[in-house]
């Protein structure tokens, strides 16, 4: 179970890390070419979403890797689930249904990590 959890954690870290990095570093106009929803948000809000994703990645990996405060890993996974719920609602509003499916899959993977890490922690 631990190996499966690590595989999913690394996968989530890569996906959320790339998404967060892009939102933090790219201008709003460039992001809006690929993501319709960006047009409706302030640039600082988009950057804040990217920062939340990066913090989720750090919380998902570092506590388990270092052994320091390992209970933070399942909490970070819950934070990523909440982020994906917000993303799904936003994508529904813009009728971007394929993105909603991706949000659901990412939320499910994060839920697997949250549950698995919490069970191992206890």
C-alpha atoms as a PDB file:
ATOM      1  CA  UNK A   1       0.000   0.000   0.000  1.00  0.00           C
ATOM      2  CA  UNK A   2       2.837   2.391   0.838  1.00  0.00           C
ATOM      3  CA  UNK A   3       4.348   2.001  -2.645  1.00  0.00           C
ATOM      4  CA  UNK A   4       1.011   2.712  -4.340  1.00  0.00           C
ATOM      5  CA  UNK A   5       0.551   5.783  -2.180  1.00  0.00           C
ATOM      6  CA  UNK A   6       4.015   7.063  -3.073  1.00  0.00           C
ATOM      7  CA  UNK A   7       3.370   6.511  -6.779  1.00  0.00           C
ATOM      8  CA  UNK A   8       0.123   8.473  -6.612  1.00  0.00           C
ATOM      9  CA  UNK A   9       1.707  11.190  -4.467  1.00  0.00           C
ATOM     10  CA  UNK A  10       4.543  11.682  -6.953  1.00  0.00           C
ATOM     11  CA  UNK A  11       2.083  11.716  -9.860  1.00  0.00           C
ATOM     12  CA  UNK A  12      -0.075  14.321  -8.107  1.00  0.00           C
ATOM     13  CA  UNK A  13       3.017  16.332  -7.195  1.00  0.00           C
ATOM     14  CA  UNK A  14       4.147  16.418 -10.814  1.00  0.00           C
ATOM     15  CA  UNK A  15       0.720  17.385 -12.163  1.00  0.00           C
ATOM     16  CA  UNK A  16      -0.106  19.991  -9.539  1.00  0.00           C
ATOM     17  CA  UNK A  17       3.476  21.249  -9.509  1.00  0.00           C
ATOM     18  CA  UNK A  18       3.457  21.895 -13.246  1.00  0.00           C
ATOM     19  CA  UNK A  19       0.001  23.483 -13.133  1.00  0.00           C
ATOM     20  CA  UNK A  20       0.916  25.689 -10.187  1.00  0.00           C
ATOM     21  CA  UNK A  21       4.230  26.722 -11.722  1.00  0.00           C
ATOM     22  CA  UNK A  22       2.537  27.742 -14.968  1.00  0.00           C
ATOM     23  CA  UNK A  23      -0.085  29.797 -13.124  1.00  0.00           C
ATOM     24  CA  UNK A  24       2.606  31.515 -11.067  1.00  0.00           C
ATOM     25  CA  UNK A  25       4.973  32.316 -13.912  1.00  0.00           C
ATOM     26  CA  UNK A  26       2.864  32.951 -17.013  1.00  0.00           C
ATOM     27  CA  UNK A  27       0.999  36.201 -17.704  1.00  0.00           C
ATOM     28  CA  UNK A  28      -2.786  36.096 -17.610  1.00  0.00           C
ATOM     29  CA  UNK A  29      -3.060  36.720 -21.366  1.00  0.00           C
ATOM     30  CA  UNK A  30      -0.961  33.670 -22.187  1.00  0.00           C
ATOM     31  CA  UNK A  31      -2.868  31.474 -19.750  1.00  0.00           C
ATOM     32  CA  UNK A  32      -6.205  32.674 -21.162  1.00  0.00           C
ATOM     33  CA  UNK A  33      -5.293  31.176 -24.548  1.00  0.00           C
ATOM     34  CA  UNK A  34      -5.536  27.677 -23.044  1.00  0.00           C
ATOM     35  CA  UNK A  35      -7.847  28.211 -20.075  1.00  0.00           C
ATOM     36  CA  UNK A  36     -11.106  30.102 -20.620  1.00  0.00           C
ATOM     37  CA  UNK A  37     -11.752  30.590 -16.927  1.00  0.00           C
ATOM     38  CA  UNK A  38      -8.647  32.752 -16.477  1.00  0.00           C
ATOM     39  CA  UNK A  39     -10.356  35.654 -18.286  1.00  0.00           C
ATOM     40  CA  UNK A  40     -12.886  35.940 -15.461  1.00  0.00           C
ATOM     41  CA  UNK A  41     -10.337  36.140 -12.646  1.00  0.00           C
ATOM     42  CA  UNK A  42      -7.883  38.790 -11.546  1.00  0.00           C
ATOM     43  CA  UNK A  43      -4.202  38.019 -12.225  1.00  0.00           C
ATOM     44  CA  UNK A  44      -3.473  37.855  -8.482  1.00  0.00           C
ATOM     45  CA  UNK A  45      -6.264  35.303  -8.021  1.00  0.00           C
ATOM     46  CA  UNK A  46      -4.784  33.082 -10.723  1.00  0.00           C
ATOM     47  CA  UNK A  47      -1.369  33.382  -9.079  1.00  0.00           C
ATOM     48  CA  UNK A  48      -2.924  32.560  -5.680  1.00  0.00           C
ATOM     49  CA  UNK A  49      -4.440  29.392  -7.150  1.00  0.00           C
ATOM     50  CA  UNK A  50      -0.992  28.467  -8.473  1.00  0.00           C
ATOM     51  CA  UNK A  51       0.530  29.111  -5.052  1.00  0.00           C
ATOM     52  CA  UNK A  52      -2.102  26.904  -3.389  1.00  0.00           C
ATOM     53  CA  UNK A  53      -1.240  24.116  -5.820  1.00  0.00           C
ATOM     54  CA  UNK A  54       2.487  24.455  -5.105  1.00  0.00           C
ATOM     55  CA  UNK A  55       1.870  24.469  -1.346  1.00  0.00           C
ATOM     56  CA  UNK A  56      -0.278  21.355  -1.777  1.00  0.00           C
ATOM     57  CA  UNK A  57       2.614  19.652  -3.562  1.00  0.00           C
ATOM     58  CA  UNK A  58       5.029  20.554  -0.779  1.00  0.00           C
ATOM     59  CA  UNK A  59       2.592  19.340   1.851  1.00  0.00           C
ATOM     60  CA  UNK A  60       1.992  16.130  -0.036  1.00  0.00           C
ATOM     61  CA  UNK A  61       5.660  15.183  -0.377  1.00  0.00           C
ATOM     62  CA  UNK A  62       7.885  16.835   2.242  1.00  0.00           C
ATOM     63  CA  UNK A  63       6.257  15.578   5.463  1.00  0.00           C
ATOM     64  CA  UNK A  64       6.401  11.956   4.319  1.00  0.00           C
ATOM     65  CA  UNK A  65       9.867  12.318   2.817  1.00  0.00           C
ATOM     66  CA  UNK A  66      11.397  13.931   5.905  1.00  0.00           C
ATOM     67  CA  UNK A  67       9.290  12.225   8.558  1.00  0.00           C
ATOM     68  CA  UNK A  68       8.570  15.650  10.057  1.00  0.00           C
ATOM     69  CA  UNK A  69       4.881  16.191  10.836  1.00  0.00           C
ATOM     70  CA  UNK A  70       3.677  13.346   8.581  1.00  0.00           C
ATOM     71  CA  UNK A  71       0.035  14.078   9.456  1.00  0.00           C
ATOM     72  CA  UNK A  72       0.299  17.085   7.131  1.00  0.00           C
ATOM     73  CA  UNK A  73       0.390  14.849   4.027  1.00  0.00           C
ATOM     74  CA  UNK A  74      -3.244  13.698   4.263  1.00  0.00           C
ATOM     75  CA  UNK A  75      -4.275  17.254   5.131  1.00  0.00           C
ATOM     76  CA  UNK A  76      -2.495  18.537   2.013  1.00  0.00           C
ATOM     77  CA  UNK A  77      -4.318  15.885  -0.016  1.00  0.00           C
ATOM     78  CA  UNK A  78      -7.631  17.148   1.406  1.00  0.00           C
ATOM     79  CA  UNK A  79      -6.604  20.665   0.407  1.00  0.00           C
ATOM     80  CA  UNK A  80      -5.998  19.459  -3.143  1.00  0.00           C
ATOM     81  CA  UNK A  81      -9.425  17.773  -3.141  1.00  0.00           C
ATOM     82  CA  UNK A  82     -10.998  21.098  -2.165  1.00  0.00           C
ATOM     83  CA  UNK A  83      -8.993  22.818  -4.903  1.00  0.00           C
ATOM     84  CA  UNK A  84     -10.328  20.314  -7.444  1.00  0.00           C
ATOM     85  CA  UNK A  85     -13.902  20.827  -6.244  1.00  0.00           C
ATOM     86  CA  UNK A  86     -13.486  24.548  -6.873  1.00  0.00           C
ATOM     87  CA  UNK A  87     -11.892  23.841 -10.261  1.00  0.00           C
ATOM     88  CA  UNK A  88     -14.710  21.480 -11.236  1.00  0.00           C
ATOM     89  CA  UNK A  89     -17.369  24.028 -10.299  1.00  0.00           C
ATOM     90  CA  UNK A  90     -15.550  26.702 -12.303  1.00  0.00           C
ATOM     91  CA  UNK A  91     -15.152  24.398 -15.303  1.00  0.00           C
ATOM     92  CA  UNK A  92     -18.842  23.473 -15.131  1.00  0.00           C
ATOM     93  CA  UNK A  93     -19.699  27.160 -15.216  1.00  0.00           C
ATOM     94  CA  UNK A  94     -17.682  27.544 -18.416  1.00  0.00           C
ATOM     95  CA  UNK A  95     -19.023  24.265 -19.880  1.00  0.00           C
ATOM     96  CA  UNK A  96     -15.531  22.760 -20.049  1.00  0.00           C
ATOM     97  CA  UNK A  97     -16.721  19.229 -19.387  1.00  0.00           C
ATOM     98  CA  UNK A  98     -13.502  17.350 -20.269  1.00  0.00           C
ATOM     99  CA  UNK A  99     -11.725  19.465 -17.642  1.00  0.00           C
ATOM    100  CA  UNK A 100     -14.382  18.503 -15.094  1.00  0.00           C
ATOM    101  CA  UNK A 101     -13.595  14.845 -15.719  1.00  0.00           C
ATOM    102  CA  UNK A 102      -9.899  15.530 -15.109  1.00  0.00           C
ATOM    103  CA  UNK A 103     -10.789  17.423 -11.899  1.00  0.00           C
ATOM    104  CA  UNK A 104     -12.785  14.424 -10.663  1.00  0.00           C
ATOM    105  CA  UNK A 105      -9.926  12.013 -11.420  1.00  0.00           C
ATOM    106  CA  UNK A 106      -7.379  14.219  -9.640  1.00  0.00           C
ATOM    107  CA  UNK A 107      -9.721  14.619  -6.661  1.00  0.00           C
ATOM    108  CA  UNK A 108     -10.180  10.848  -6.496  1.00  0.00           C
ATOM    109  CA  UNK A 109      -6.412  10.291  -6.544  1.00  0.00           C
ATOM    110  CA  UNK A 110      -5.974  12.877  -3.805  1.00  0.00           C
ATOM    111  CA  UNK A 111      -8.741  11.165  -1.808  1.00  0.00           C
ATOM    112  CA  UNK A 112      -6.868   7.872  -2.131  1.00  0.00           C
ATOM    113  CA  UNK A 113      -3.752   9.533  -0.722  1.00  0.00           C
ATOM    114  CA  UNK A 114      -5.681  11.301   2.048  1.00  0.00           C
ATOM    115  CA  UNK A 115      -7.348   8.094   3.158  1.00  0.00           C
ATOM    116  CA  UNK A 116      -4.274   5.894   2.756  1.00  0.00           C
ATOM    117  CA  UNK A 117      -1.891   8.236   4.537  1.00  0.00           C
ATOM    118  CA  UNK A 118      -4.351   8.882   7.352  1.00  0.00           C
ATOM    119  CA  UNK A 119      -4.827   5.136   7.877  1.00  0.00           C
ATOM    120  CA  UNK A 120      -1.064   4.553   7.895  1.00  0.00           C
ATOM    121  CA  UNK A 121      -0.586   7.505  10.235  1.00  0.00           C
ATOM    122  CA  UNK A 122      -3.032   6.110  12.781  1.00  0.00           C
END
